[in-house]
Each structure stands twice: as structure tokens, then as C-alpha cells.
mmCIF file of all heavy atoms, coordinates in Angstrom:
data_MODEL
# 
_entry.id   MODEL 
# 
loop_
_atom_site.group_PDB 
_atom_site.id 
_atom_site.type_symbol 
_atom_site.label_atom_id 
_atom_site.label_alt_id 
_atom_site.label_comp_id 
_atom_site.label_asym_id 
_atom_site.label_entity_id 
_atom_site.label_seq_id 
_atom_site.pdbx_PDB_ins_code 
_atom_site.Cartn_x 
_atom_site.Cartn_y 
_atom_site.Cartn_z 
_atom_site.occupancy 
_atom_site.B_iso_or_equiv 
_atom_site.pdbx_formal_charge 
_atom_site.auth_seq_id 
_atom_site.auth_comp_id 
_atom_site.auth_asym_id 
_atom_site.auth_atom_id 
_atom_site.pdbx_PDB_model_num 
ATOM 1   N N   . LYS A 1 1  ? 23.731 10.278 -21.339 1.00 0.00 ? 1  LYS A N   1 
ATOM 2   C CA  . LYS A 1 1  ? 22.932 10.729 -22.560 1.00 0.00 ? 1  LYS A CA  1 
ATOM 3   C C   . LYS A 1 1  ? 22.491 12.141 -22.302 1.00 0.00 ? 1  LYS A C   1 
ATOM 4   O O   . LYS A 1 1  ? 22.386 12.554 -21.211 1.00 0.00 ? 1  LYS A O   1 
ATOM 5   C CB  . LYS A 1 1  ? 21.764 9.758  -22.797 1.00 0.00 ? 1  LYS A CB  1 
ATOM 6   C CG  . LYS A 1 1  ? 22.031 8.221  -22.908 1.00 0.00 ? 1  LYS A CG  1 
ATOM 7   C CD  . LYS A 1 1  ? 20.754 7.511  -22.919 1.00 0.00 ? 1  LYS A CD  1 
ATOM 8   C CE  . LYS A 1 1  ? 21.132 5.917  -23.037 1.00 0.00 ? 1  LYS A CE  1 
ATOM 9   N NZ  . LYS A 1 1  ? 19.859 5.215  -23.204 1.00 0.00 ? 1  LYS A NZ  1 
ATOM 10  N N   . ALA A 1 2  ? 22.261 12.752 -23.470 1.00 0.00 ? 2  ALA A N   1 
ATOM 11  C CA  . ALA A 1 2  ? 21.613 14.135 -23.333 1.00 0.00 ? 2  ALA A CA  1 
ATOM 12  C C   . ALA A 1 2  ? 20.405 14.188 -22.476 1.00 0.00 ? 2  ALA A C   1 
ATOM 13  O O   . ALA A 1 2  ? 20.141 15.224 -21.841 1.00 0.00 ? 2  ALA A O   1 
ATOM 14  C CB  . ALA A 1 2  ? 21.420 14.686 -24.716 1.00 0.00 ? 2  ALA A CB  1 
ATOM 15  N N   . GLU A 1 3  ? 19.666 13.080 -22.469 1.00 0.00 ? 3  GLU A N   1 
ATOM 16  C CA  . GLU A 1 3  ? 18.449 13.003 -21.673 1.00 0.00 ? 3  GLU A CA  1 
ATOM 17  C C   . GLU A 1 3  ? 18.655 13.035 -20.266 1.00 0.00 ? 3  GLU A C   1 
ATOM 18  O O   . GLU A 1 3  ? 17.714 13.223 -19.393 1.00 0.00 ? 3  GLU A O   1 
ATOM 19  C CB  . GLU A 1 3  ? 17.666 11.859 -22.138 1.00 0.00 ? 3  GLU A CB  1 
ATOM 20  C CG  . GLU A 1 3  ? 17.396 11.744 -23.604 1.00 0.00 ? 3  GLU A CG  1 
ATOM 21  C CD  . GLU A 1 3  ? 18.309 10.934 -24.296 1.00 0.00 ? 3  GLU A CD  1 
ATOM 22  O OE1 . GLU A 1 3  ? 18.128 9.625  -24.372 1.00 0.00 ? 3  GLU A OE1 1 
ATOM 23  O OE2 . GLU A 1 3  ? 19.269 11.506 -24.814 1.00 0.00 ? 3  GLU A OE2 1 
ATOM 24  N N   . ASP A 1 4  ? 19.783 12.793 -19.869 1.00 0.00 ? 4  ASP A N   1 
ATOM 25  C CA  . ASP A 1 4  ? 20.218 12.751 -18.315 1.00 0.00 ? 4  ASP A CA  1 
ATOM 26  C C   . ASP A 1 4  ? 20.446 14.159 -17.790 1.00 0.00 ? 4  ASP A C   1 
ATOM 27  O O   . ASP A 1 4  ? 20.633 14.183 -16.626 1.00 0.00 ? 4  ASP A O   1 
ATOM 28  C CB  . ASP A 1 4  ? 21.437 11.842 -18.229 1.00 0.00 ? 4  ASP A CB  1 
ATOM 29  C CG  . ASP A 1 4  ? 21.277 10.392 -18.543 1.00 0.00 ? 4  ASP A CG  1 
ATOM 30  O OD1 . ASP A 1 4  ? 20.205 9.919  -18.031 1.00 0.00 ? 4  ASP A OD1 1 
ATOM 31  O OD2 . ASP A 1 4  ? 22.225 9.707  -19.140 1.00 0.00 ? 4  ASP A OD2 1 
ATOM 32  N N   . THR A 1 5  ? 20.380 15.138 -18.645 1.00 0.00 ? 5  THR A N   1 
ATOM 33  C CA  . THR A 1 5  ? 20.654 16.605 -18.257 1.00 0.00 ? 5  THR A CA  1 
ATOM 34  C C   . THR A 1 5  ? 19.670 16.920 -17.317 1.00 0.00 ? 5  THR A C   1 
ATOM 35  O O   . THR A 1 5  ? 18.452 16.783 -17.578 1.00 0.00 ? 5  THR A O   1 
ATOM 36  C CB  . THR A 1 5  ? 20.673 17.345 -19.505 1.00 0.00 ? 5  THR A CB  1 
ATOM 37  O OG1 . THR A 1 5  ? 21.870 17.063 -20.377 1.00 0.00 ? 5  THR A OG1 1 
ATOM 38  C CG2 . THR A 1 5  ? 20.733 18.838 -18.936 1.00 0.00 ? 5  THR A CG2 1 
ATOM 39  N N   . ALA A 1 6  ? 19.974 17.313 -16.198 1.00 0.00 ? 6  ALA A N   1 
ATOM 40  C CA  . ALA A 1 6  ? 18.979 17.637 -15.017 1.00 0.00 ? 6  ALA A CA  1 
ATOM 41  C C   . ALA A 1 6  ? 19.765 18.259 -13.949 1.00 0.00 ? 6  ALA A C   1 
ATOM 42  O O   . ALA A 1 6  ? 20.870 18.181 -13.749 1.00 0.00 ? 6  ALA A O   1 
ATOM 43  C CB  . ALA A 1 6  ? 18.071 16.500 -14.693 1.00 0.00 ? 6  ALA A CB  1 
ATOM 44  N N   . VAL A 1 7  ? 18.952 18.687 -13.000 1.00 0.00 ? 7  VAL A N   1 
ATOM 45  C CA  . VAL A 1 7  ? 19.456 18.998 -11.629 1.00 0.00 ? 7  VAL A CA  1 
ATOM 46  C C   . VAL A 1 7  ? 19.254 17.633 -10.814 1.00 0.00 ? 7  VAL A C   1 
ATOM 47  O O   . VAL A 1 7  ? 18.149 17.237 -10.809 1.00 0.00 ? 7  VAL A O   1 
ATOM 48  C CB  . VAL A 1 7  ? 18.890 20.330 -10.903 1.00 0.00 ? 7  VAL A CB  1 
ATOM 49  C CG1 . VAL A 1 7  ? 19.243 20.300 -9.436  1.00 0.00 ? 7  VAL A CG1 1 
ATOM 50  C CG2 . VAL A 1 7  ? 19.100 21.517 -11.722 1.00 0.00 ? 7  VAL A CG2 1 
ATOM 51  N N   . TYR A 1 8  ? 20.251 17.193 -10.162 1.00 0.00 ? 8  TYR A N   1 
ATOM 52  C CA  . TYR A 1 8  ? 20.239 16.001 -9.386  1.00 0.00 ? 8  TYR A CA  1 
ATOM 53  C C   . TYR A 1 8  ? 20.087 16.297 -7.932  1.00 0.00 ? 8  TYR A C   1 
ATOM 54  O O   . TYR A 1 8  ? 20.945 17.047 -7.512  1.00 0.00 ? 8  TYR A O   1 
ATOM 55  C CB  . TYR A 1 8  ? 21.369 15.111 -9.709  1.00 0.00 ? 8  TYR A CB  1 
ATOM 56  C CG  . TYR A 1 8  ? 21.340 14.446 -11.144 1.00 0.00 ? 8  TYR A CG  1 
ATOM 57  C CD1 . TYR A 1 8  ? 21.409 15.071 -12.234 1.00 0.00 ? 8  TYR A CD1 1 
ATOM 58  C CD2 . TYR A 1 8  ? 21.003 12.925 -11.042 1.00 0.00 ? 8  TYR A CD2 1 
ATOM 59  C CE1 . TYR A 1 8  ? 21.275 14.410 -13.444 1.00 0.00 ? 8  TYR A CE1 1 
ATOM 60  C CE2 . TYR A 1 8  ? 20.801 12.454 -12.305 1.00 0.00 ? 8  TYR A CE2 1 
ATOM 61  C CZ  . TYR A 1 8  ? 20.903 13.052 -13.520 1.00 0.00 ? 8  TYR A CZ  1 
ATOM 62  O OH  . TYR A 1 8  ? 20.710 12.374 -14.719 1.00 0.00 ? 8  TYR A OH  1 
ATOM 63  N N   . TYR A 1 9  ? 19.179 15.788 -7.249  1.00 0.00 ? 9  TYR A N   1 
ATOM 64  C CA  . TYR A 1 9  ? 18.986 15.983 -5.901  1.00 0.00 ? 9  TYR A CA  1 
ATOM 65  C C   . TYR A 1 9  ? 19.170 14.705 -5.021  1.00 0.00 ? 9  TYR A C   1 
ATOM 66  O O   . TYR A 1 9  ? 18.732 13.578 -5.352  1.00 0.00 ? 9  TYR A O   1 
ATOM 67  C CB  . TYR A 1 9  ? 17.542 16.418 -5.606  1.00 0.00 ? 9  TYR A CB  1 
ATOM 68  C CG  . TYR A 1 9  ? 17.207 17.732 -6.266  1.00 0.00 ? 9  TYR A CG  1 
ATOM 69  C CD1 . TYR A 1 9  ? 16.604 17.792 -7.479  1.00 0.00 ? 9  TYR A CD1 1 
ATOM 70  C CD2 . TYR A 1 9  ? 17.302 18.912 -5.595  1.00 0.00 ? 9  TYR A CD2 1 
ATOM 71  C CE1 . TYR A 1 9  ? 16.284 18.935 -8.080  1.00 0.00 ? 9  TYR A CE1 1 
ATOM 72  C CE2 . TYR A 1 9  ? 16.872 20.179 -6.105  1.00 0.00 ? 9  TYR A CE2 1 
ATOM 73  C CZ  . TYR A 1 9  ? 16.498 20.100 -7.424  1.00 0.00 ? 9  TYR A CZ  1 
ATOM 74  O OH  . TYR A 1 9  ? 16.107 21.398 -8.000  1.00 0.00 ? 9  TYR A OH  1 
ATOM 75  N N   . CYS A 1 10 ? 19.851 14.832 -3.899  1.00 0.00 ? 10 CYS A N   1 
ATOM 76  C CA  . CYS A 1 10 ? 20.002 13.798 -2.931  1.00 0.00 ? 10 CYS A CA  1 
ATOM 77  C C   . CYS A 1 10 ? 18.819 13.960 -1.942  1.00 0.00 ? 10 CYS A C   1 
ATOM 78  O O   . CYS A 1 10 ? 18.360 15.116 -1.580  1.00 0.00 ? 10 CYS A O   1 
ATOM 79  C CB  . CYS A 1 10 ? 21.216 14.079 -2.145  1.00 0.00 ? 10 CYS A CB  1 
ATOM 80  S SG  . CYS A 1 10 ? 21.657 12.815 -0.884  1.00 0.00 ? 10 CYS A SG  1 
ATOM 81  N N   . ALA A 1 11 ? 18.275 12.777 -1.561  1.00 0.00 ? 11 ALA A N   1 
ATOM 82  C CA  . ALA A 1 11 ? 17.280 12.836 -0.573  1.00 0.00 ? 11 ALA A CA  1 
ATOM 83  C C   . ALA A 1 11 ? 17.280 11.699 0.552   1.00 0.00 ? 11 ALA A C   1 
ATOM 84  O O   . ALA A 1 11 ? 18.007 10.710 0.273   1.00 0.00 ? 11 ALA A O   1 
ATOM 85  C CB  . ALA A 1 11 ? 15.798 12.633 -1.268  1.00 0.00 ? 11 ALA A CB  1 
ATOM 86  N N   . ALA A 1 12 ? 16.788 11.899 1.735   1.00 0.00 ? 12 ALA A N   1 
ATOM 87  C CA  . ALA A 1 12 ? 16.899 10.969 2.740   1.00 0.00 ? 12 ALA A CA  1 
ATOM 88  C C   . ALA A 1 12 ? 15.494 10.756 3.312   1.00 0.00 ? 12 ALA A C   1 
ATOM 89  O O   . ALA A 1 12 ? 14.774 11.665 3.399   1.00 0.00 ? 12 ALA A O   1 
ATOM 90  C CB  . ALA A 1 12 ? 17.922 11.356 3.793   1.00 0.00 ? 12 ALA A CB  1 
ATOM 91  N N   . LYS A 1 13 ? 15.259 9.474  3.741   1.00 0.00 ? 13 LYS A N   1 
ATOM 92  C CA  . LYS A 1 13 ? 14.071 9.196  4.372   1.00 0.00 ? 13 LYS A CA  1 
ATOM 93  C C   . LYS A 1 13 ? 14.389 8.386  5.659   1.00 0.00 ? 13 LYS A C   1 
ATOM 94  O O   . LYS A 1 13 ? 15.162 7.587  5.630   1.00 0.00 ? 13 LYS A O   1 
ATOM 95  C CB  . LYS A 1 13 ? 13.091 8.273  3.521   1.00 0.00 ? 13 LYS A CB  1 
ATOM 96  C CG  . LYS A 1 13 ? 11.881 7.837  4.257   1.00 0.00 ? 13 LYS A CG  1 
ATOM 97  C CD  . LYS A 1 13 ? 10.994 6.979  3.426   1.00 0.00 ? 13 LYS A CD  1 
ATOM 98  C CE  . LYS A 1 13 ? 9.775  6.351  4.302   1.00 0.00 ? 13 LYS A CE  1 
ATOM 99  N NZ  . LYS A 1 13 ? 8.896  7.472  4.795   1.00 0.00 ? 13 LYS A NZ  1 
ATOM 100 N N   . LYS A 1 14 ? 13.726 8.792  6.784   1.00 0.00 ? 14 LYS A N   1 
ATOM 101 C CA  . LYS A 1 14 ? 14.119 8.155  8.114   1.00 0.00 ? 14 LYS A CA  1 
ATOM 102 C C   . LYS A 1 14 ? 13.470 6.713  7.950   1.00 0.00 ? 14 LYS A C   1 
ATOM 103 O O   . LYS A 1 14 ? 12.555 6.475  7.513   1.00 0.00 ? 14 LYS A O   1 
ATOM 104 C CB  . LYS A 1 14 ? 13.414 8.867  9.168   1.00 0.00 ? 14 LYS A CB  1 
ATOM 105 C CG  . LYS A 1 14 ? 13.998 10.225 9.592   1.00 0.00 ? 14 LYS A CG  1 
ATOM 106 C CD  . LYS A 1 14 ? 13.321 10.858 10.692  1.00 0.00 ? 14 LYS A CD  1 
ATOM 107 C CE  . LYS A 1 14 ? 13.792 12.198 11.014  1.00 0.00 ? 14 LYS A CE  1 
ATOM 108 N NZ  . LYS A 1 14 ? 13.217 12.895 12.136  1.00 0.00 ? 14 LYS A NZ  1 
ATOM 109 N N   . ARG A 1 15 ? 14.367 5.885  8.441   1.00 0.00 ? 15 ARG A N   1 
ATOM 110 C CA  . ARG A 1 15 ? 14.043 4.404  8.390   1.00 0.00 ? 15 ARG A CA  1 
ATOM 111 C C   . ARG A 1 15 ? 14.035 3.903  6.880   1.00 0.00 ? 15 ARG A C   1 
ATOM 112 O O   . ARG A 1 15 ? 14.297 4.583  5.934   1.00 0.00 ? 15 ARG A O   1 
ATOM 113 C CB  . ARG A 1 15 ? 12.663 4.093  8.880   1.00 0.00 ? 15 ARG A CB  1 
ATOM 114 C CG  . ARG A 1 15 ? 12.358 4.634  10.291  1.00 0.00 ? 15 ARG A CG  1 
ATOM 115 C CD  . ARG A 1 15 ? 10.976 4.314  10.822  1.00 0.00 ? 15 ARG A CD  1 
ATOM 116 N NE  . ARG A 1 15 ? 10.856 4.772  12.141  1.00 0.00 ? 15 ARG A NE  1 
ATOM 117 C CZ  . ARG A 1 15 ? 10.420 5.962  12.314  1.00 0.00 ? 15 ARG A CZ  1 
ATOM 118 N NH1 . ARG A 1 15 ? 10.182 6.896  11.439  1.00 0.00 ? 15 ARG A NH1 1 
ATOM 119 N NH2 . ARG A 1 15 ? 10.198 6.446  13.636  1.00 0.00 ? 15 ARG A NH2 1 
ATOM 120 N N   . TYR A 1 16 ? 14.295 2.581  6.761   1.00 0.00 ? 16 TYR A N   1 
ATOM 121 C CA  . TYR A 1 16 ? 14.470 1.815  5.539   1.00 0.00 ? 16 TYR A CA  1 
ATOM 122 C C   . TYR A 1 16 ? 13.189 1.787  4.838   1.00 0.00 ? 16 TYR A C   1 
ATOM 123 O O   . TYR A 1 16 ? 12.226 1.083  5.471   1.00 0.00 ? 16 TYR A O   1 
ATOM 124 C CB  . TYR A 1 16 ? 15.030 0.446  5.813   1.00 0.00 ? 16 TYR A CB  1 
ATOM 125 C CG  . TYR A 1 16 ? 16.547 0.493  5.842   1.00 0.00 ? 16 TYR A CG  1 
ATOM 126 C CD1 . TYR A 1 16 ? 17.320 1.550  5.985   1.00 0.00 ? 16 TYR A CD1 1 
ATOM 127 C CD2 . TYR A 1 16 ? 17.279 -0.725 5.690   1.00 0.00 ? 16 TYR A CD2 1 
ATOM 128 C CE1 . TYR A 1 16 ? 18.712 1.462  5.982   1.00 0.00 ? 16 TYR A CE1 1 
ATOM 129 C CE2 . TYR A 1 16 ? 18.589 -0.976 5.821   1.00 0.00 ? 16 TYR A CE2 1 
ATOM 130 C CZ  . TYR A 1 16 ? 19.412 0.283  5.887   1.00 0.00 ? 16 TYR A CZ  1 
ATOM 131 O OH  . TYR A 1 16 ? 20.633 0.181  5.926   1.00 0.00 ? 16 TYR A OH  1 
ATOM 132 N N   . LEU A 1 17 ? 12.921 2.168  3.830   1.00 0.00 ? 17 LEU A N   1 
ATOM 133 C CA  . LEU A 1 17 ? 11.776 1.877  2.921   1.00 0.00 ? 17 LEU A CA  1 
ATOM 134 C C   . LEU A 1 17 ? 12.250 2.275  1.484   1.00 0.00 ? 17 LEU A C   1 
ATOM 135 O O   . LEU A 1 17 ? 11.987 3.293  0.868   1.00 0.00 ? 17 LEU A O   1 
ATOM 136 C CB  . LEU A 1 17 ? 10.602 2.846  3.320   1.00 0.00 ? 17 LEU A CB  1 
ATOM 137 C CG  . LEU A 1 17 ? 9.282  2.675  2.606   1.00 0.00 ? 17 LEU A CG  1 
ATOM 138 C CD1 . LEU A 1 17 ? 8.752  1.192  2.951   1.00 0.00 ? 17 LEU A CD1 1 
ATOM 139 C CD2 . LEU A 1 17 ? 8.295  3.609  3.052   1.00 0.00 ? 17 LEU A CD2 1 
ATOM 140 N N   . LEU A 1 18 ? 12.679 1.172  0.839   1.00 0.00 ? 18 LEU A N   1 
ATOM 141 C CA  . LEU A 1 18 ? 13.343 1.260  -0.485  1.00 0.00 ? 18 LEU A CA  1 
ATOM 142 C C   . LEU A 1 18 ? 12.375 1.724  -1.565  1.00 0.00 ? 18 LEU A C   1 
ATOM 143 O O   . LEU A 1 18 ? 12.671 2.488  -2.508  1.00 0.00 ? 18 LEU A O   1 
ATOM 144 C CB  . LEU A 1 18 ? 13.947 -0.107 -0.881  1.00 0.00 ? 18 LEU A CB  1 
ATOM 145 C CG  . LEU A 1 18 ? 14.764 -0.117 -2.225  1.00 0.00 ? 18 LEU A CG  1 
ATOM 146 C CD1 . LEU A 1 18 ? 16.070 0.592  -1.960  1.00 0.00 ? 18 LEU A CD1 1 
ATOM 147 C CD2 . LEU A 1 18 ? 15.118 -1.581 -2.570  1.00 0.00 ? 18 LEU A CD2 1 
ATOM 148 N N   . LEU A 1 19 ? 11.089 1.478  -1.394  1.00 0.00 ? 19 LEU A N   1 
ATOM 149 C CA  . LEU A 1 19 ? 10.063 1.754  -2.444  1.00 0.00 ? 19 LEU A CA  1 
ATOM 150 C C   . LEU A 1 19 ? 9.369  3.003  -2.084  1.00 0.00 ? 19 LEU A C   1 
ATOM 151 O O   . LEU A 1 19 ? 8.288  3.295  -2.624  1.00 0.00 ? 19 LEU A O   1 
ATOM 152 C CB  . LEU A 1 19 ? 9.026  0.608  -2.547  1.00 0.00 ? 19 LEU A CB  1 
ATOM 153 C CG  . LEU A 1 19 ? 9.648  -0.744 -2.937  1.00 0.00 ? 19 LEU A CG  1 
ATOM 154 C CD1 . LEU A 1 19 ? 8.517  -1.789 -3.052  1.00 0.00 ? 19 LEU A CD1 1 
ATOM 155 C CD2 . LEU A 1 19 ? 10.338 -0.568 -4.327  1.00 0.00 ? 19 LEU A CD2 1 
ATOM 156 N N   . ALA A 1 20 ? 9.771  3.863  -1.168  1.00 0.00 ? 20 ALA A N   1 
ATOM 157 C CA  . ALA A 1 20 ? 9.286  5.080  -0.726  1.00 0.00 ? 20 ALA A CA  1 
ATOM 158 C C   . ALA A 1 20 ? 9.034  5.927  -1.954  1.00 0.00 ? 20 ALA A C   1 
ATOM 159 O O   . ALA A 1 20 ? 9.974  6.081  -2.757  1.00 0.00 ? 20 ALA A O   1 
ATOM 160 C CB  . ALA A 1 20 ? 10.047 5.830  0.346   1.00 0.00 ? 20 ALA A CB  1 
ATOM 161 N N   . PRO A 1 21 ? 7.950  6.599  -2.148  1.00 0.00 ? 21 PRO A N   1 
ATOM 162 C CA  . PRO A 1 21 ? 7.631  7.639  -3.150  1.00 0.00 ? 21 PRO A CA  1 
ATOM 163 C C   . PRO A 1 21 ? 8.340  8.852  -2.974  1.00 0.00 ? 21 PRO A C   1 
ATOM 164 O O   . PRO A 1 21 ? 8.879  9.063  -1.772  1.00 0.00 ? 21 PRO A O   1 
ATOM 165 C CB  . PRO A 1 21 ? 6.119  7.716  -3.240  1.00 0.00 ? 21 PRO A CB  1 
ATOM 166 C CG  . PRO A 1 21 ? 5.671  7.415  -1.679  1.00 0.00 ? 21 PRO A CG  1 
ATOM 167 C CD  . PRO A 1 21 ? 6.607  6.436  -1.276  1.00 0.00 ? 21 PRO A CD  1 
ATOM 168 N N   . ILE A 1 22 ? 8.315  9.702  -4.001  1.00 0.00 ? 22 ILE A N   1 
ATOM 169 C CA  . ILE A 1 22 ? 9.140  11.007 -3.724  1.00 0.00 ? 22 ILE A CA  1 
ATOM 170 C C   . ILE A 1 22 ? 8.647  11.797 -2.587  1.00 0.00 ? 22 ILE A C   1 
ATOM 171 O O   . ILE A 1 22 ? 9.457  12.452 -1.897  1.00 0.00 ? 22 ILE A O   1 
ATOM 172 C CB  . ILE A 1 22 ? 9.085  11.751 -5.029  1.00 0.00 ? 22 ILE A CB  1 
ATOM 173 C CG1 . ILE A 1 22 ? 9.984  12.979 -5.018  1.00 0.00 ? 22 ILE A CG1 1 
ATOM 174 C CG2 . ILE A 1 22 ? 7.633  12.214 -5.417  1.00 0.00 ? 22 ILE A CG2 1 
ATOM 175 C CD1 . ILE A 1 22 ? 10.232 13.653 -6.321  1.00 0.00 ? 22 ILE A CD1 1 
ATOM 176 N N   . ASP A 1 23 ? 7.306  11.772 -2.388  1.00 0.00 ? 23 ASP A N   1 
ATOM 177 C CA  . ASP A 1 23 ? 6.762  12.540 -1.185  1.00 0.00 ? 23 ASP A CA  1 
ATOM 178 C C   . ASP A 1 23 ? 7.014  11.858 0.088   1.00 0.00 ? 23 ASP A C   1 
ATOM 179 O O   . ASP A 1 23 ? 6.643  12.403 1.096   1.00 0.00 ? 23 ASP A O   1 
ATOM 180 C CB  . ASP A 1 23 ? 5.334  12.934 -1.420  1.00 0.00 ? 23 ASP A CB  1 
ATOM 181 C CG  . ASP A 1 23 ? 4.311  11.795 -1.603  1.00 0.00 ? 23 ASP A CG  1 
ATOM 182 O OD1 . ASP A 1 23 ? 4.911  10.582 -1.519  1.00 0.00 ? 23 ASP A OD1 1 
ATOM 183 O OD2 . ASP A 1 23 ? 3.260  11.990 -1.770  1.00 0.00 ? 23 ASP A OD2 1 
ATOM 184 N N   . GLY A 1 24 ? 7.622  10.701 0.084   1.00 0.00 ? 24 GLY A N   1 
ATOM 185 C CA  . GLY A 1 24 ? 7.845  10.068 1.418   1.00 0.00 ? 24 GLY A CA  1 
ATOM 186 C C   . GLY A 1 24 ? 9.186  10.328 1.912   1.00 0.00 ? 24 GLY A C   1 
ATOM 187 O O   . GLY A 1 24 ? 9.573  9.904  2.984   1.00 0.00 ? 24 GLY A O   1 
ATOM 188 N N   . TYR A 1 25 ? 9.991  11.046 1.231   1.00 0.00 ? 25 TYR A N   1 
ATOM 189 C CA  . TYR A 1 25 ? 11.368 11.424 1.593   1.00 0.00 ? 25 TYR A CA  1 
ATOM 190 C C   . TYR A 1 25 ? 11.341 12.676 2.582   1.00 0.00 ? 25 TYR A C   1 
ATOM 191 O O   . TYR A 1 25 ? 10.556 13.609 2.302   1.00 0.00 ? 25 TYR A O   1 
ATOM 192 C CB  . TYR A 1 25 ? 12.357 11.728 0.506   1.00 0.00 ? 25 TYR A CB  1 
ATOM 193 C CG  . TYR A 1 25 ? 12.915 10.502 -0.216  1.00 0.00 ? 25 TYR A CG  1 
ATOM 194 C CD1 . TYR A 1 25 ? 11.992 9.685  -0.854  1.00 0.00 ? 25 TYR A CD1 1 
ATOM 195 C CD2 . TYR A 1 25 ? 14.066 9.960  0.092   1.00 0.00 ? 25 TYR A CD2 1 
ATOM 196 C CE1 . TYR A 1 25 ? 12.486 8.438  -1.431  1.00 0.00 ? 25 TYR A CE1 1 
ATOM 197 C CE2 . TYR A 1 25 ? 14.503 8.683  -0.435  1.00 0.00 ? 25 TYR A CE2 1 
ATOM 198 C CZ  . TYR A 1 25 ? 13.730 8.035  -1.114  1.00 0.00 ? 25 TYR A CZ  1 
ATOM 199 O OH  . TYR A 1 25 ? 14.276 6.860  -1.697  1.00 0.00 ? 25 TYR A OH  1 
ATOM 200 N N   . ASP A 1 26 ? 12.059 12.648 3.556   1.00 0.00 ? 26 ASP A N   1 
ATOM 201 C CA  . ASP A 1 26 ? 11.890 13.656 4.704   1.00 0.00 ? 26 ASP A CA  1 
ATOM 202 C C   . ASP A 1 26 ? 12.922 14.883 4.466   1.00 0.00 ? 26 ASP A C   1 
ATOM 203 O O   . ASP A 1 26 ? 12.639 15.945 4.876   1.00 0.00 ? 26 ASP A O   1 
ATOM 204 C CB  . ASP A 1 26 ? 12.214 13.036 6.058   1.00 0.00 ? 26 ASP A CB  1 
ATOM 205 C CG  . ASP A 1 26 ? 11.366 11.947 6.352   1.00 0.00 ? 26 ASP A CG  1 
ATOM 206 O OD1 . ASP A 1 26 ? 10.136 12.162 6.484   1.00 0.00 ? 26 ASP A OD1 1 
ATOM 207 O OD2 . ASP A 1 26 ? 11.857 10.801 6.486   1.00 0.00 ? 26 ASP A OD2 1 
# 
């Protein structure tokens, strides 16, 4: 959809934490 227009970022967090907030990514 047009609303999907954005810059998409890949991020990684050490260890498994599926519910990690955005500031939890390393």
C-alpha cells in the first residue's frame, strides 16, 4: 500500500528477545 512507503531498516539484538522494543536493538 502507499502507506508502506518508508525507509526500511534491518536491526539485530544480541540474544533472543522477540518482544524487544526498538531501543533494545543493538
